[in-house]
Amino acid sequence: MATIKLFGRDGQEKGALELADQDLVLDRGEQAVRDTIVSRMAYYRAGTASTLSKGEVAGSNKKPWKQKKTGRARAGLRQSPVWRGGGVAFGPKPRDFSLKVNKKVARLAFRRAVSDRIADGSLIVVDDLSLEAPKTKALVQVLKGLDAANALLVVKAFDETLTLASRNLPDVEVATASGASLYQMMLHRKVIVSQPAWEDLKARIAAPRKES
């Protein structure tokens, strides 16, 4: 049985939450994490780079000069890639860089990432992350008490006040337990989960039930 520390807003430890060992994935999934991250980064590549081949460069097909007796190297056309202003040999063309990752692989990757966070103690649960007003100073005070300058804040549902308060903090991000991505889990040094969101996150990493 794994335990996750439970803290108050003031940074004082208030107890611990339990997680079944079968829900932790520490013996597999490293390749799944890599494949999912690579797929995510590839998805955001524009793939719009484009160059002209020698057949696409404007110009006639007239031979620049006769083949022999000029003292120059022979040349067939001015659009040759070896000439300035000519086409590009094997240049880039628009393409789709996206890579497919199966749902089971993506789920395994997420479970492995969260399991690693729990194992190394960089994932903690806080009883309450809500703020009375969207003040960055108030959020900084909470993060300071939790010793987390670079953190992913995981809440149960979208919290506009918390989101507005975190906008001026470049190393702080807010996500919901149902929408947090693997990339977000891997990006930040610490993951802070509100106690109401913990149940939703725990459901996402729960071991799949075997059909009888």
C-alpha atoms as a PDB file:
ATOM      1  CA  MET A   1       0.000   0.000   0.000  1.00  0.00           C
ATOM      2  CA  ALA A   2       1.521   3.308  -1.131  1.00  0.00           C
ATOM      3  CA  THR A   3       1.025   6.493   0.858  1.00  0.00           C
ATOM      4  CA  ILE A   4       0.750  10.085  -0.384  1.00  0.00           C
ATOM      5  CA  LYS A   5       1.339  12.938   2.026  1.00  0.00           C
ATOM      6  CA  LEU A   6      -1.582  15.246   2.781  1.00  0.00           C
ATOM      7  CA  PHE A   7      -0.736  18.884   3.533  1.00  0.00           C
ATOM      8  CA  GLY A   8      -2.654  21.942   4.595  1.00  0.00           C
ATOM      9  CA  ARG A   9      -2.468  25.282   2.788  1.00  0.00           C
ATOM     10  CA  ASP A  10       0.118  26.434   5.312  1.00  0.00           C
ATOM     11  CA  GLY A  11       2.466  23.602   4.359  1.00  0.00           C
ATOM     12  CA  GLN A  12       1.909  21.618   7.560  1.00  0.00           C
ATOM     13  CA  GLU A  13       1.550  17.873   7.101  1.00  0.00           C
ATOM     14  CA  LYS A  14      -1.917  16.709   8.093  1.00  0.00           C
ATOM     15  CA  GLY A  15      -1.759  13.013   7.378  1.00  0.00           C
ATOM     16  CA  ALA A  16      -1.505  10.585   4.484  1.00  0.00           C
ATOM     17  CA  LEU A  17      -3.709   9.040   1.820  1.00  0.00           C
ATOM     18  CA  GLU A  18      -3.434   5.439   0.699  1.00  0.00           C
ATOM     19  CA  LEU A  19      -3.221   3.964  -2.779  1.00  0.00           C
ATOM     20  CA  ALA A  20      -3.364   0.273  -3.623  1.00  0.00           C
ATOM     21  CA  ASP A  21      -0.098  -1.200  -4.875  1.00  0.00           C
ATOM     22  CA  GLN A  22      -1.879  -2.669  -7.902  1.00  0.00           C
ATOM     23  CA  ASP A  23      -2.668   0.864  -9.110  1.00  0.00           C
ATOM     24  CA  LEU A  24       1.031   1.813  -9.235  1.00  0.00           C
ATOM     25  CA  VAL A  25       2.994   1.036 -12.397  1.00  0.00           C
ATOM     26  CA  LEU A  26       6.741   1.061 -11.760  1.00  0.00           C
ATOM     27  CA  ASP A  27       7.915  -2.061 -13.597  1.00  0.00           C
ATOM     28  CA  ARG A  28       6.888  -1.100 -17.133  1.00  0.00           C
ATOM     29  CA  GLY A  29       5.719   1.812 -19.256  1.00  0.00           C
ATOM     30  CA  GLU A  30       8.981   3.721 -19.828  1.00  0.00           C
ATOM     31  CA  GLN A  31       8.765   3.238 -23.594  1.00  0.00           C
ATOM     32  CA  ALA A  32       5.080   4.174 -23.511  1.00  0.00           C
ATOM     33  CA  VAL A  33       5.978   7.473 -21.820  1.00  0.00           C
ATOM     34  CA  ARG A  34       8.617   8.211 -24.452  1.00  0.00           C
ATOM     35  CA  ASP A  35       6.329   7.329 -27.372  1.00  0.00           C
ATOM     36  CA  THR A  36       3.492   9.460 -26.018  1.00  0.00           C
ATOM     37  CA  ILE A  37       5.723  12.488 -25.415  1.00  0.00           C
ATOM     38  CA  VAL A  38       7.280  12.190 -28.891  1.00  0.00           C
ATOM     39  CA  SER A  39       3.800  11.911 -30.408  1.00  0.00           C
ATOM     40  CA  ARG A  40       2.650  14.998 -28.540  1.00  0.00           C
ATOM     41  CA  MET A  41       5.634  17.061 -29.671  1.00  0.00           C
ATOM     42  CA  ALA A  42       5.291  15.838 -33.254  1.00  0.00           C
ATOM     43  CA  TYR A  43       1.613  16.829 -33.282  1.00  0.00           C
ATOM     44  CA  TYR A  44       2.540  20.475 -32.788  1.00  0.00           C
ATOM     45  CA  ARG A  45       5.077  20.553 -35.625  1.00  0.00           C
ATOM     46  CA  ALA A  46       3.678  22.742 -38.409  1.00  0.00           C
ATOM     47  CA  GLY A  47       5.136  20.707 -41.262  1.00  0.00           C
ATOM     48  CA  THR A  48       4.759  23.686 -43.610  1.00  0.00           C
ATOM     49  CA  ALA A  49       8.388  24.069 -44.734  1.00  0.00           C
ATOM     50  CA  SER A  50       8.562  23.980 -48.527  1.00  0.00           C
ATOM     51  CA  THR A  51      11.262  24.553 -51.138  1.00  0.00           C
ATOM     52  CA  LEU A  52      11.247  24.551 -54.951  1.00  0.00           C
ATOM     53  CA  SER A  53      12.815  21.759 -56.910  1.00  0.00           C
ATOM     54  CA  LYS A  54      14.578  22.498 -60.193  1.00  0.00           C
ATOM     55  CA  GLY A  55      11.365  21.656 -62.039  1.00  0.00           C
ATOM     56  CA  GLU A  56       9.406  24.246 -60.059  1.00  0.00           C
ATOM     57  CA  VAL A  57      11.797  27.194 -60.361  1.00  0.00           C
ATOM     58  CA  ALA A  58      10.657  29.760 -62.955  1.00  0.00           C
ATOM     59  CA  GLY A  59      12.760  29.911 -66.109  1.00  0.00           C
ATOM     60  CA  SER A  60      13.132  28.441 -69.586  1.00  0.00           C
ATOM     61  CA  ASN A  61      14.738  25.149 -70.438  1.00  0.00           C
ATOM     62  CA  LYS A  62      17.144  26.798 -72.861  1.00  0.00           C
ATOM     63  CA  LYS A  63      20.735  25.641 -72.572  1.00  0.00           C
ATOM     64  CA  PRO A  64      22.851  28.536 -71.133  1.00  0.00           C
ATOM     65  CA  TRP A  65      25.671  27.961 -73.648  1.00  0.00           C
ATOM     66  CA  LYS A  66      26.741  25.343 -76.094  1.00  0.00           C
ATOM     67  CA  GLN A  67      28.077  22.075 -74.834  1.00  0.00           C
ATOM     68  CA  LYS A  68      31.680  22.266 -76.121  1.00  0.00           C
ATOM     69  CA  LYS A  69      34.494  24.656 -76.977  1.00  0.00           C
ATOM     70  CA  THR A  70      33.618  27.437 -74.500  1.00  0.00           C
ATOM     71  CA  GLY A  71      36.126  26.654 -71.772  1.00  0.00           C
ATOM     72  CA  ARG A  72      33.311  26.381 -69.260  1.00  0.00           C
ATOM     73  CA  ALA A  73      31.792  23.409 -67.540  1.00  0.00           C
ATOM     74  CA  ARG A  74      28.858  21.996 -69.410  1.00  0.00           C
ATOM     75  CA  ALA A  75      25.440  23.191 -68.205  1.00  0.00           C
ATOM     76  CA  GLY A  76      21.963  22.090 -69.097  1.00  0.00           C
ATOM     77  CA  LEU A  77      19.639  24.606 -67.449  1.00  0.00           C
ATOM     78  CA  ARG A  78      19.758  27.635 -65.171  1.00  0.00           C
ATOM     79  CA  GLN A  79      17.441  26.018 -62.597  1.00  0.00           C
ATOM     80  CA  SER A  80      20.135  23.507 -61.629  1.00  0.00           C
ATOM     81  CA  PRO A  81      20.546  23.027 -57.832  1.00  0.00           C
ATOM     82  CA  VAL A  82      24.266  23.751 -58.123  1.00  0.00           C
ATOM     83  CA  TRP A  83      23.568  27.289 -59.337  1.00  0.00           C
ATOM     84  CA  ARG A  84      22.551  30.275 -57.232  1.00  0.00           C
ATOM     85  CA  GLY A  85      18.833  30.878 -57.666  1.00  0.00           C
ATOM     86  CA  GLY A  86      18.297  27.317 -58.794  1.00  0.00           C
ATOM     87  CA  GLY A  87      16.156  24.627 -57.240  1.00  0.00           C
ATOM     88  CA  VAL A  88      16.853  22.788 -53.993  1.00  0.00           C
ATOM     89  CA  ALA A  89      17.865  19.142 -54.148  1.00  0.00           C
ATOM     90  CA  PHE A  90      15.901  16.946 -51.727  1.00  0.00           C
ATOM     91  CA  GLY A  91      14.473  20.008 -49.952  1.00  0.00           C
ATOM     92  CA  PRO A  92      11.585  19.842 -47.456  1.00  0.00           C
ATOM     93  CA  LYS A  93       7.988  19.643 -48.586  1.00  0.00           C
ATOM     94  CA  PRO A  94       4.779  20.044 -46.525  1.00  0.00           C
ATOM     95  CA  ARG A  95       4.113  16.901 -44.516  1.00  0.00           C
ATOM     96  CA  ASP A  96       2.228  15.583 -41.510  1.00  0.00           C
ATOM     97  CA  PHE A  97       4.511  14.727 -38.586  1.00  0.00           C
ATOM     98  CA  SER A  98       1.794  13.309 -36.327  1.00  0.00           C
ATOM     99  CA  LEU A  99       2.359   9.858 -34.824  1.00  0.00           C
ATOM    100  CA  LYS A 100      -0.315   7.464 -33.681  1.00  0.00           C
ATOM    101  CA  VAL A 101      -0.368   6.212 -30.094  1.00  0.00           C
ATOM    102  CA  ASN A 102      -2.933   3.643 -29.048  1.00  0.00           C
ATOM    103  CA  LYS A 103      -5.261   4.468 -26.173  1.00  0.00           C
ATOM    104  CA  LYS A 104      -3.905   1.633 -24.017  1.00  0.00           C
ATOM    105  CA  VAL A 105      -0.343   2.857 -24.539  1.00  0.00           C
ATOM    106  CA  ALA A 106      -1.311   6.455 -23.669  1.00  0.00           C
ATOM    107  CA  ARG A 107      -3.116   5.297 -20.522  1.00  0.00           C
ATOM    108  CA  LEU A 108      -0.160   3.155 -19.457  1.00  0.00           C
ATOM    109  CA  ALA A 109       2.167   6.140 -20.003  1.00  0.00           C
ATOM    110  CA  PHE A 110       0.006   8.390 -17.822  1.00  0.00           C
ATOM    111  CA  ARG A 111      -0.185   5.758 -15.078  1.00  0.00           C
ATOM    112  CA  ARG A 112       3.598   5.331 -15.166  1.00  0.00           C
ATOM    113  CA  ALA A 113       4.214   9.089 -14.961  1.00  0.00           C
ATOM    114  CA  VAL A 114       1.894   9.537 -11.969  1.00  0.00           C
ATOM    115  CA  SER A 115       3.335   6.424 -10.304  1.00  0.00           C
ATOM    116  CA  ASP A 116       6.860   7.812 -10.631  1.00  0.00           C
ATOM    117  CA  ARG A 117       5.708  11.093  -9.084  1.00  0.00           C
ATOM    118  CA  ILE A 118       4.189   9.251  -6.149  1.00  0.00           C
ATOM    119  CA  ALA A 119       7.255   7.030  -5.724  1.00  0.00           C
ATOM    120  CA  ASP A 120       9.737   9.912  -5.581  1.00  0.00           C
ATOM    121  CA  GLY A 121       7.506  12.077  -3.384  1.00  0.00           C
ATOM    122  CA  SER A 122       7.048  14.911  -5.880  1.00  0.00           C
ATOM    123  CA  LEU A 123       3.259  14.459  -5.881  1.00  0.00           C
ATOM    124  CA  ILE A 124       1.460  15.759  -2.816  1.00  0.00           C
ATOM    125  CA  VAL A 125      -2.172  16.322  -1.900  1.00  0.00           C
ATOM    126  CA  VAL A 126      -3.409  19.576  -0.343  1.00  0.00           C
ATOM    127  CA  ASP A 127      -6.712  19.812   1.464  1.00  0.00           C
ATOM    128  CA  ASP A 128      -7.734  23.001  -0.355  1.00  0.00           C
ATOM    129  CA  LEU A 129      -6.267  25.015  -3.239  1.00  0.00           C
ATOM    130  CA  SER A 130      -9.053  27.546  -3.702  1.00  0.00           C
ATOM    131  CA  LEU A 131      -8.401  31.302  -3.381  1.00  0.00           C
ATOM    132  CA  GLU A 132     -10.755  34.030  -2.232  1.00  0.00           C
ATOM    133  CA  ALA A 133      -9.571  36.433  -4.937  1.00  0.00           C
ATOM    134  CA  PRO A 134      -7.491  36.076  -8.148  1.00  0.00           C
ATOM    135  CA  LYS A 135      -4.349  37.487  -6.537  1.00  0.00           C
ATOM    136  CA  THR A 136      -0.957  36.194  -7.638  1.00  0.00           C
ATOM    137  CA  LYS A 137       0.527  37.230  -4.304  1.00  0.00           C
ATOM    138  CA  ALA A 138      -1.887  34.967  -2.446  1.00  0.00           C
ATOM    139  CA  LEU A 139      -1.011  31.990  -4.647  1.00  0.00           C
ATOM    140  CA  VAL A 140       2.714  32.653  -4.267  1.00  0.00           C
ATOM    141  CA  GLN A 141       2.253  32.562  -0.496  1.00  0.00           C
ATOM    142  CA  VAL A 142       0.540  29.166  -0.717  1.00  0.00           C
ATOM    143  CA  LEU A 143       3.248  27.776  -3.014  1.00  0.00           C
ATOM    144  CA  LYS A 144       5.969  29.126  -0.752  1.00  0.00           C
ATOM    145  CA  GLY A 145       4.488  27.250   2.193  1.00  0.00           C
ATOM    146  CA  LEU A 146       4.475  24.070   0.095  1.00  0.00           C
ATOM    147  CA  ASP A 147       8.032  24.704  -1.181  1.00  0.00           C
ATOM    148  CA  ALA A 148       6.873  24.543  -4.799  1.00  0.00           C
ATOM    149  CA  ALA A 149       8.047  27.285  -7.152  1.00  0.00           C
ATOM    150  CA  ASN A 150       7.615  25.091 -10.230  1.00  0.00           C
ATOM    151  CA  ALA A 151       4.365  23.162  -9.958  1.00  0.00           C
ATOM    152  CA  LEU A 152       1.324  21.727 -11.669  1.00  0.00           C
ATOM    153  CA  LEU A 153      -1.839  22.451  -9.686  1.00  0.00           C
ATOM    154  CA  VAL A 154      -4.470  19.774 -10.203  1.00  0.00           C
ATOM    155  CA  VAL A 155      -8.043  20.664  -9.237  1.00  0.00           C
ATOM    156  CA  LYS A 156     -11.360  18.837  -9.564  1.00  0.00           C
ATOM    157  CA  ALA A 157     -13.026  21.364 -11.878  1.00  0.00           C
ATOM    158  CA  PHE A 158     -12.001  24.518 -13.701  1.00  0.00           C
ATOM    159  CA  ASP A 159     -11.258  27.262 -11.166  1.00  0.00           C
ATOM    160  CA  GLU A 160     -11.212  30.687 -12.789  1.00  0.00           C
ATOM    161  CA  THR A 161      -9.885  32.419  -9.671  1.00  0.00           C
ATOM    162  CA  LEU A 162      -6.942  30.034  -9.368  1.00  0.00           C
ATOM    163  CA  THR A 163      -6.254  30.179 -13.109  1.00  0.00           C
ATOM    164  CA  LEU A 164      -6.172  33.980 -13.131  1.00  0.00           C
ATOM    165  CA  ALA A 165      -3.901  34.050 -10.096  1.00  0.00           C
ATOM    166  CA  SER A 166      -1.392  31.733 -11.803  1.00  0.00           C
ATOM    167  CA  ARG A 167      -1.181  33.583 -15.135  1.00  0.00           C
ATOM    168  CA  ASN A 168       1.807  35.706 -14.104  1.00  0.00           C
ATOM    169  CA  LEU A 169       3.751  32.701 -12.805  1.00  0.00           C
ATOM    170  CA  PRO A 170       5.607  31.137 -15.763  1.00  0.00           C
ATOM    171  CA  ASP A 171       6.453  27.929 -13.885  1.00  0.00           C
ATOM    172  CA  VAL A 172       2.973  27.291 -12.511  1.00  0.00           C
ATOM    173  CA  GLU A 173       0.130  25.668 -14.418  1.00  0.00           C
ATOM    174  CA  VAL A 174      -3.423  24.712 -13.481  1.00  0.00           C
ATOM    175  CA  ALA A 175      -5.191  21.619 -14.831  1.00  0.00           C
ATOM    176  CA  THR A 176      -8.195  19.501 -13.943  1.00  0.00           C
ATOM    177  CA  ALA A 177      -7.777  15.932 -12.723  1.00  0.00           C
ATOM    178  CA  SER A 178      -9.698  14.625 -15.722  1.00  0.00           C
ATOM    179  CA  GLY A 179      -7.838  16.775 -18.254  1.00  0.00           C
ATOM    180  CA  ALA A 180      -4.231  16.816 -17.009  1.00  0.00           C
ATOM    181  CA  SER A 181      -1.908  15.463 -19.675  1.00  0.00           C
ATOM    182  CA  LEU A 182       1.173  13.296 -19.490  1.00  0.00           C
ATOM    183  CA  TYR A 183       3.274  16.194 -20.776  1.00  0.00           C
ATOM    184  CA  GLN A 184       2.087  18.425 -17.916  1.00  0.00           C
ATOM    185  CA  MET A 185       2.872  15.692 -15.395  1.00  0.00           C
ATOM    186  CA  MET A 186       6.403  15.374 -16.739  1.00  0.00           C
ATOM    187  CA  LEU A 187       7.067  19.094 -17.240  1.00  0.00           C
ATOM    188  CA  HIS A 188       6.828  20.410 -13.684  1.00  0.00           C
ATOM    189  CA  ARG A 189       9.033  19.588 -10.714  1.00  0.00           C
ATOM    190  CA  LYS A 190       6.128  19.125  -8.330  1.00  0.00           C
ATOM    191  CA  VAL A 191       2.499  18.070  -8.750  1.00  0.00           C
ATOM    192  CA  ILE A 192       0.064  19.481  -6.177  1.00  0.00           C
ATOM    193  CA  VAL A 193      -3.359  17.852  -6.152  1.00  0.00           C
ATOM    194  CA  SER A 194      -6.320  19.210  -4.249  1.00  0.00           C
ATOM    195  CA  GLN A 195      -8.017  16.653  -2.032  1.00  0.00           C
ATOM    196  CA  PRO A 196     -11.323  16.775  -3.989  1.00  0.00           C
ATOM    197  CA  ALA A 197      -9.381  16.141  -7.227  1.00  0.00           C
ATOM    198  CA  TRP A 198      -7.422  13.237  -5.792  1.00  0.00           C
ATOM    199  CA  GLU A 199     -10.300  10.783  -6.223  1.00  0.00           C
ATOM    200  CA  ASP A 200     -10.639  11.672  -9.918  1.00  0.00           C
ATOM    201  CA  LEU A 201      -6.897  11.334 -10.479  1.00  0.00           C
ATOM    202  CA  LYS A 202      -6.841   8.042  -8.603  1.00  0.00           C
ATOM    203  CA  ALA A 203      -9.598   6.752 -10.877  1.00  0.00           C
ATOM    204  CA  ARG A 204      -7.505   7.608 -13.954  1.00  0.00           C
ATOM    205  CA  ILE A 205      -4.533   5.545 -12.757  1.00  0.00           C
ATOM    206  CA  ALA A 206      -6.552   2.657 -11.316  1.00  0.00           C
ATOM    207  CA  ALA A 207      -5.621  -0.766 -12.656  1.00  0.00           C
ATOM    208  CA  PRO A 208      -8.043  -1.922 -15.356  1.00  0.00           C
ATOM    209  CA  ARG A 209     -10.559  -4.454 -14.154  1.00  0.00           C
ATOM    210  CA  LYS A 210     -10.282  -7.951 -15.572  1.00  0.00           C
ATOM    211  CA  GLU A 211     -13.443  -9.175 -17.251  1.00  0.00           C
ATOM    212  CA  SER A 212     -14.767 -12.371 -15.764  1.00  0.00           C
END
